[in-house]
Amino acid sequence: MVSKAVAESAAETAAPGSKEGAWKWAIRKQMWDFMEEHDIARFPRPVHHRIPNFVDADKAAARLADLPEFKAAAVIKVNPDTPQKMVRFEVLSSGKTLLTPQPRLRTGFFSTLTTASFESSAMMEACTSAGVAKYGSPVDLEQQSLKVDMIVVGSSAVSRNGARLGKGEGFAELEYGILRWMGAIDEHTPVVTTIHNCQLLEDEIDPAQMLEHDVPVDIIVTPTQVIRTNSRLPKPAGILWHKLSPQKLGQIRVLQQLKRQIEAETGQALPTGPDEVLPPLAERKSRGRGGRRSSRGGSRSSRTQAAPQSQQQP
């Protein structure tokens, strides 16, 4: 288990972008390094700049499926990352509707999927990003009837008070904000994360360090335990346009379209966030021995070189 205090000591050298988020990048780097060094990480590897996959992720998913909130839910939103693949399986195999975002919101917004959408033999394929794209039905931003009963997110590290760190790209927060804007969720919709025990920070994150757009979690599920955070941290009430940088907006066509639509309807320009240095994408490697991946042409830290994760069948 990684100490937040130890991680913060590396903040000045670990962080891309603004200094106010340097401590977050320090914790992420410490966690990714720890999971690799102790062989807790699982494919795709290395886990740096990813929501890290971990040993016994399937056990965490099964434990999540035992939650009363899960059993009562009809529609569950799950992130498209590899460690939550078995969460998506639990959702579908329980006869529920799965709501999954397009990876990085590149080609669209969300897709919905049920077991009626595919043959039973395609269940595991349907749990991957490619399977959702193949079998899912796209969700329109104007779909006012959409109601989501639970949100499942991946994490790099989590504090017992509900403070959560993702991989640093902000997509979980954007997806949450869009769903709030649509009226599909409210502040009472439970936010759950599945993690390895080592991803639970020894020291609580100071709530004052969390930012306006950060989404806290209500329930933490590991392969061995369930932690109800009783979090008092606020959740964003919608899309925080004043926090959305031109660089991030430039990546997400659906938000560009929505921004133009709102501005046309209201006759007013929406605010724009400050410029930012976008973090690098995860390194993509070919498979090597022992489930690890060997490099294809070295590091791919630039955004133009890095391959999209949707090609890695999470």
Foldseek 3Di string as FASTA:
>chain_A
DDALVVLQVCQVPQDFKDSLCSSLSSLLVVLLVVCVVVVQFFPPPSCALALTAGPLLLLLLVVVCPDPLNLPWQEEEEEQDDSCLNVLLSCQVSFHKYWYAQFLLQPHGIWIDHCVQDPPVCSSLCSWNVNCVVRTDGDDLQPLPAAGQAYEYGASAAELLQFTHHSQQCPVLQNVQSCLVSVNDFQPRAYEYEDAPVRYHPDGDDLVSDDQSTAGGQWYTYSVDIGGNPHPRGHHNHHPQQQAAPVSCVRHVVVVVVQVVVCVVVVDHDHHYHHIDGWFHDFDFDDDPPNYGHHDPDGDRDNVRHDRCSVVTD
